[in-house]
Amino acid sequence: MGQTTARAGELFDYAVTKPNGFELRQAERELGCTKDQLSRAIRALRSILAGDEINLICNNQGFGQPMR
């Protein structure tokens, strides 16, 4: 299993524990990864979930605000 796929699994587990959402910077800190690593994990997780009824969404909270 590649590192990105492993991080995608970690991200899924993390997201499940945050039913009200989370900020990307918070996830970076708590998962111990860089913004680039997290972005790749997000893309991988979305690809894995593509055929499922669940997905990982991102909402912009406003100009200059963190993604959630």
Protein backbone atom coordinates (compact mmCIF):
# COMPACT_ATOMS: atom_id res chain seq x y z
CA MET A 1 0.00 0.00 0.00
CA GLY A 2 1.39 3.39 -0.98
CA GLN A 3 1.88 6.24 1.46
CA THR A 4 -0.90 8.31 -0.14
CA THR A 5 -3.35 5.41 0.09
CA ALA A 6 -2.38 4.86 3.73
CA ARG A 7 -2.91 8.57 4.46
CA ALA A 8 -6.29 8.38 2.72
CA GLY A 9 -7.26 5.64 5.18
CA GLU A 10 -6.03 7.74 8.10
CA LEU A 11 -7.99 10.71 6.76
CA PHE A 12 -11.16 8.62 6.50
CA ASP A 13 -10.77 7.43 10.10
CA TYR A 14 -10.09 11.01 11.19
CA ALA A 15 -13.13 12.39 9.34
CA VAL A 16 -15.39 9.78 10.95
CA THR A 17 -14.40 11.14 14.37
CA LYS A 18 -15.30 14.70 13.29
CA PRO A 19 -19.02 14.53 12.34
CA ASN A 20 -19.32 18.34 12.50
CA GLY A 21 -16.38 18.83 10.15
CA PHE A 22 -12.83 20.03 10.57
CA GLU A 23 -10.45 22.62 9.17
CA LEU A 24 -7.62 21.55 6.91
CA ARG A 25 -4.94 23.15 9.10
CA GLN A 26 -6.33 21.28 12.09
CA ALA A 27 -6.18 18.00 10.17
CA GLU A 28 -2.62 18.72 9.02
CA ARG A 29 -1.52 19.20 12.63
CA GLU A 30 -3.43 16.26 14.08
CA LEU A 31 -2.48 13.83 11.30
CA GLY A 32 1.12 15.05 11.22
CA CYS A 33 1.28 15.78 7.50
CA THR A 34 1.98 18.69 5.19
CA LYS A 35 -0.63 20.54 3.15
CA ASP A 36 0.60 18.75 0.01
CA GLN A 37 0.41 15.31 1.65
CA LEU A 38 -3.09 16.05 2.92
CA SER A 39 -4.21 17.29 -0.51
CA ARG A 40 -3.01 14.05 -2.12
CA ALA A 41 -4.76 12.02 0.58
CA ILE A 42 -7.99 13.96 -0.03
CA ARG A 43 -7.83 13.25 -3.77
CA ALA A 44 -7.10 9.58 -3.12
CA LEU A 45 -9.94 9.27 -0.61
CA ARG A 46 -12.39 10.94 -2.99
CA SER A 47 -11.31 8.52 -5.71
CA ILE A 48 -11.77 5.55 -3.38
CA LEU A 49 -15.24 6.77 -2.36
CA ALA A 50 -16.29 7.68 -5.93
CA GLY A 51 -18.65 4.74 -6.31
CA ASP A 52 -20.08 5.00 -2.80
CA GLU A 53 -22.91 7.02 -1.33
CA ILE A 54 -20.56 8.92 0.99
CA ASN A 55 -17.93 11.47 0.04
CA LEU A 56 -15.52 13.97 1.52
CA ILE A 57 -16.63 17.53 0.84
CA CYS A 58 -14.94 20.86 1.39
CA ASN A 59 -16.62 24.17 2.08
CA ASN A 60 -14.98 27.54 1.76
CA GLN A 61 -15.88 29.57 4.87
CA GLY A 62 -15.30 32.90 3.15
CA PHE A 63 -12.48 34.91 1.68
CA GLY A 64 -9.30 34.38 3.66
CA GLN A 65 -10.93 31.81 5.94
CA PRO A 66 -9.72 28.23 6.30
CA MET A 67 -11.31 25.47 4.26
CA ARG A 68 -13.66 23.27 6.23
